[in-house]
């Protein structure tokens, strides 16, 4: 079966800086895949390349068997790539439901249908009771859920989650994990960047580790956390002693 997402030999250079170096990954339909690695590993750049924020210096990006390398972000979103942002980008002076309507309008120009879709997604994300408050009044964990809801309203095939569980309390993080699992149950494929290993490793089907812009290793979570290269580059000797 053709992977839902492929990056083929992707490079990204910013002047003399190489952010991504010959990155080839694939994500199968229905998977939850974790993209992990130390700060500066190239994870955010790769997310931006997949989402279409910028074109790769070299290589190609394929979605559902189609080369989307040269398509801008808006067209990739229409074709099924939704995303959240590491720094929450809610429209603070708009209501929660109007924030999500912005996402729904990617797939419809009928406002009544966009509002119906937005409310449906807010119920799914546990925010229906906050639909009519301003986004600025949400607490941090609710703003993370709002990001997910807005992305889901675009009806994605592939959802890119950028640190949606970071900075949450243990209870909030567990609710976030449950939400991600329910997203997958709806048929949406998930590629997520996370730093909290205790949370992400039990959640993902596979993990891909980036280091210095390159794919260091990929595999099942249990294999990844015991890999000497991963321990050296990312997890540290302390983890090696406890693994």
Protein backbone atom coordinates (compact mmCIF):
# COMPACT_ATOMS: atom_id res chain seq x y z
CA UNK A 1 0.00 0.00 0.00
CA UNK A 2 1.28 3.48 -0.87
CA UNK A 3 2.27 5.44 2.27
CA UNK A 4 0.10 8.43 3.04
CA UNK A 5 3.17 10.64 3.45
CA UNK A 6 6.67 10.32 2.01
CA UNK A 7 9.64 12.64 2.04
CA UNK A 8 12.23 11.56 -0.52
CA UNK A 9 15.80 12.77 -0.08
CA UNK A 10 14.73 16.10 1.40
CA UNK A 11 17.37 18.75 2.05
CA UNK A 12 16.85 22.22 3.48
CA UNK A 13 19.67 24.74 3.51
CA UNK A 14 19.60 28.26 4.95
CA UNK A 15 22.75 29.77 3.54
CA UNK A 16 25.57 27.68 4.97
CA UNK A 17 23.32 26.02 7.55
CA UNK A 18 21.89 22.58 6.73
CA UNK A 19 18.65 22.09 8.67
CA UNK A 20 17.60 18.84 6.97
CA UNK A 21 20.00 16.46 5.26
CA UNK A 22 18.74 13.75 2.89
CA UNK A 23 15.64 13.03 4.99
CA UNK A 24 13.53 10.16 3.68
CA UNK A 25 10.63 9.07 5.86
CA UNK A 26 7.24 7.48 5.29
CA UNK A 27 4.04 7.45 7.32
CA UNK A 28 1.43 4.80 6.67
CA UNK A 29 -2.31 5.34 6.77
CA UNK A 30 -3.71 5.12 10.28
CA UNK A 31 -0.35 5.36 12.05
CA UNK A 32 0.65 7.58 14.93
CA UNK A 33 4.32 8.37 14.33
CA UNK A 34 6.51 10.32 16.73
CA UNK A 35 9.21 12.65 15.39
CA UNK A 36 11.73 13.14 18.17
CA UNK A 37 15.25 14.44 18.69
CA UNK A 38 17.26 17.11 20.49
CA UNK A 39 16.73 20.83 20.00
CA UNK A 40 18.13 21.91 16.64
CA UNK A 41 17.67 18.45 15.12
CA UNK A 42 15.53 19.81 12.25
CA UNK A 43 12.10 18.65 13.40
CA UNK A 44 10.32 22.01 13.04
CA UNK A 45 11.93 22.62 9.67
CA UNK A 46 10.75 19.22 8.43
CA UNK A 47 7.22 19.99 9.66
CA UNK A 48 7.29 23.28 7.74
CA UNK A 49 8.47 21.49 4.60
CA UNK A 50 5.70 18.90 4.86
CA UNK A 51 3.06 21.58 5.51
CA UNK A 52 4.29 23.72 2.61
CA UNK A 53 5.47 26.74 4.58
CA UNK A 54 8.64 26.63 2.48
CA UNK A 55 9.90 24.45 -0.39
CA UNK A 56 12.80 22.05 0.12
CA UNK A 57 16.17 22.96 -1.32
CA UNK A 58 16.29 19.47 -2.77
CA UNK A 59 14.10 16.36 -2.73
CA UNK A 60 10.35 15.82 -2.89
CA UNK A 61 7.29 15.44 -0.66
CA UNK A 62 4.44 13.09 -1.54
CA UNK A 63 0.94 12.96 -0.08
CA UNK A 64 -1.34 10.05 -0.91
CA UNK A 65 0.71 9.17 -3.99
CA UNK A 66 0.82 12.76 -5.30
CA UNK A 67 3.92 14.94 -5.53
CA UNK A 68 2.99 18.08 -3.56
CA UNK A 69 6.51 19.53 -3.34
CA UNK A 70 5.68 22.73 -5.18
CA UNK A 71 2.19 23.25 -3.79
CA UNK A 72 1.74 26.13 -1.31
CA UNK A 73 0.52 25.52 2.22
CA UNK A 74 -3.11 26.45 1.47
CA UNK A 75 -3.39 23.89 -1.33
CA UNK A 76 -1.73 21.18 0.77
CA UNK A 77 -4.24 21.90 3.50
CA UNK A 78 -7.09 21.46 1.01
CA UNK A 79 -5.55 18.14 -0.06
CA UNK A 80 -5.46 16.87 3.51
CA UNK A 81 -2.53 18.18 5.58
CA UNK A 82 -3.64 19.82 8.83
CA UNK A 83 -1.29 21.10 11.50
CA UNK A 84 -0.94 22.72 14.89
CA UNK A 85 1.85 25.05 15.95
CA UNK A 86 4.45 24.83 18.71
CA UNK A 87 3.53 28.38 19.71
CA UNK A 88 -0.26 28.57 19.88
CA UNK A 89 -1.68 30.72 17.09
CA UNK A 90 -5.28 31.29 18.15
CA UNK A 91 -7.13 34.46 17.14
CA UNK A 92 -7.44 35.92 20.63
CA UNK A 93 -10.16 38.48 19.92
CA UNK A 94 -12.41 35.92 18.21
CA UNK A 95 -14.63 33.37 19.90
CA UNK A 96 -13.56 29.77 20.16
CA UNK A 97 -16.09 28.62 17.58
CA UNK A 98 -15.09 31.38 15.16
CA UNK A 99 -11.46 30.21 15.46
CA UNK A 100 -12.56 26.75 14.37
CA UNK A 101 -14.81 28.11 11.62
CA UNK A 102 -11.63 29.55 10.06
CA UNK A 103 -10.40 25.97 9.69
CA UNK A 104 -13.73 24.65 8.41
CA UNK A 105 -13.80 27.29 5.65
CA UNK A 106 -10.86 25.50 4.01
CA UNK A 107 -13.29 22.88 2.71
CA UNK A 108 -16.55 24.82 2.35
CA UNK A 109 -17.64 28.36 1.51
CA UNK A 110 -21.08 27.89 3.07
CA UNK A 111 -21.01 29.57 6.49
CA UNK A 112 -23.85 27.47 7.93
CA UNK A 113 -21.98 24.28 7.03
CA UNK A 114 -18.71 25.68 8.41
CA UNK A 115 -20.40 26.53 11.73
CA UNK A 116 -21.98 23.08 11.93
CA UNK A 117 -18.60 21.45 11.28
CA UNK A 118 -16.89 23.70 13.81
CA UNK A 119 -19.33 22.85 16.59
CA UNK A 120 -19.05 19.14 15.78
CA UNK A 121 -15.26 19.33 16.10
CA UNK A 122 -15.46 21.34 19.33
CA UNK A 123 -17.64 18.61 20.84
CA UNK A 124 -15.07 16.03 19.76
CA UNK A 125 -12.25 18.06 21.36
CA UNK A 126 -14.15 18.66 24.59
CA UNK A 127 -14.56 22.39 24.04
CA UNK A 128 -18.25 22.69 23.13
CA UNK A 129 -18.97 24.37 26.45
CA UNK A 130 -16.43 27.08 25.62
CA UNK A 131 -17.64 27.73 22.07
CA UNK A 132 -18.83 31.29 22.66
CA UNK A 133 -16.03 32.62 24.87
CA UNK A 134 -13.07 34.56 23.49
CA UNK A 135 -9.99 32.48 22.72
CA UNK A 136 -8.02 34.79 25.03
CA UNK A 137 -10.04 33.45 27.98
CA UNK A 138 -8.93 29.83 27.50
CA UNK A 139 -6.35 28.27 29.78
CA UNK A 140 -3.19 26.85 28.10
CA UNK A 141 -4.46 23.26 27.87
CA UNK A 142 -7.70 24.47 26.27
CA UNK A 143 -5.74 26.54 23.74
CA UNK A 144 -3.84 23.40 22.75
CA UNK A 145 -7.16 21.64 22.21
CA UNK A 146 -8.40 24.60 20.20
CA UNK A 147 -5.37 24.23 17.90
CA UNK A 148 -6.23 20.58 17.37
CA UNK A 149 -9.91 21.39 16.78
CA UNK A 150 -9.13 24.05 14.18
CA UNK A 151 -6.80 21.65 12.36
CA UNK A 152 -9.42 18.87 12.44
CA UNK A 153 -12.00 21.23 10.99
CA UNK A 154 -9.94 21.31 7.77
CA UNK A 155 -10.78 17.58 7.39
CA UNK A 156 -7.18 16.34 7.24
CA UNK A 157 -5.93 12.97 6.12
CA UNK A 158 -2.64 13.73 7.90
CA UNK A 159 -2.49 15.74 11.13
CA UNK A 160 0.84 17.30 12.12
CA UNK A 161 0.91 17.89 15.89
CA UNK A 162 3.71 20.17 17.08
CA UNK A 163 4.26 19.69 20.82
CA UNK A 164 0.55 19.67 21.73
CA UNK A 165 1.30 17.81 24.97
CA UNK A 166 4.26 19.93 26.07
CA UNK A 167 3.83 22.10 29.15
CA UNK A 168 0.67 20.36 30.37
CA UNK A 169 0.02 18.90 33.81
CA UNK A 170 0.02 15.08 33.98
CA UNK A 171 -3.80 15.00 34.00
CA UNK A 172 -4.02 17.44 31.07
CA UNK A 173 -1.40 15.48 29.15
CA UNK A 174 -3.30 12.22 29.66
CA UNK A 175 -6.45 13.85 28.29
CA UNK A 176 -4.37 15.02 25.34
CA UNK A 177 -3.15 11.47 24.73
CA UNK A 178 -6.74 10.23 24.75
CA UNK A 179 -7.69 12.92 22.24
CA UNK A 180 -4.86 11.91 19.88
CA UNK A 181 -5.96 8.27 20.07
CA UNK A 182 -9.55 9.25 19.28
CA UNK A 183 -8.29 11.28 16.31
CA UNK A 184 -6.63 8.16 14.95
CA UNK A 185 -9.84 6.19 15.50
CA UNK A 186 -11.60 8.55 13.08
CA UNK A 187 -9.16 7.49 10.35
CA UNK A 188 -6.78 10.46 10.56
CA UNK A 189 -3.05 9.68 10.42
CA UNK A 190 -0.88 11.52 12.96
CA UNK A 191 2.74 12.69 12.80
CA UNK A 192 3.71 14.38 16.05
CA UNK A 193 6.71 16.19 17.51
CA UNK A 194 7.06 15.75 21.26
CA UNK A 195 9.80 16.03 23.87
CA UNK A 196 8.13 14.32 26.82
CA UNK A 197 9.28 10.77 26.19
CA UNK A 198 7.22 9.24 29.00
CA UNK A 199 4.09 10.48 27.26
CA UNK A 200 4.88 10.02 23.60
CA UNK A 201 6.49 6.57 23.59
CA UNK A 202 3.43 4.64 24.87
CA UNK A 203 1.29 6.58 22.38
CA UNK A 204 3.10 6.19 19.05
CA UNK A 205 3.29 3.14 16.77
CA UNK A 206 6.75 4.14 15.50
CA UNK A 207 9.31 6.79 16.31
CA UNK A 208 11.68 8.58 13.95
CA UNK A 209 14.70 10.19 15.56
CA UNK A 210 16.35 13.20 13.92
CA UNK A 211 19.80 14.42 14.90
CA UNK A 212 21.76 17.19 13.21
CA UNK A 213 19.20 17.27 10.42
CA UNK A 214 19.47 13.58 9.56
CA UNK A 215 17.40 10.51 10.35
CA UNK A 216 19.40 8.82 13.09
CA UNK A 217 17.16 5.78 13.54
CA UNK A 218 13.51 4.74 13.35
CA UNK A 219 11.53 1.86 14.76
CA UNK A 220 9.19 0.68 17.49
CA UNK A 221 9.28 2.74 20.71
CA UNK A 222 10.73 -0.10 22.79
CA UNK A 223 13.60 -0.44 20.31
CA UNK A 224 14.24 3.29 20.06
CA UNK A 225 14.66 3.92 23.79
CA UNK A 226 17.31 1.19 24.00
CA UNK A 227 19.26 2.17 20.90
CA UNK A 228 22.80 3.29 21.88
CA UNK A 229 22.83 5.99 19.18
CA UNK A 230 19.58 7.51 20.49
CA UNK A 231 20.76 7.36 24.09
CA UNK A 232 24.00 9.11 23.16
CA UNK A 233 22.44 11.80 20.95
CA UNK A 234 19.20 12.51 22.78
CA UNK A 235 18.24 10.55 25.87
CA UNK A 236 21.56 10.71 27.73
CA UNK A 237 23.48 8.37 29.99
CA UNK A 238 20.95 8.81 32.79
CA UNK A 239 18.33 7.12 30.64
CA UNK A 240 20.77 4.36 29.70
CA UNK A 241 21.15 3.47 33.38
CA UNK A 242 17.37 3.26 33.88
CA UNK A 243 16.47 1.51 30.61
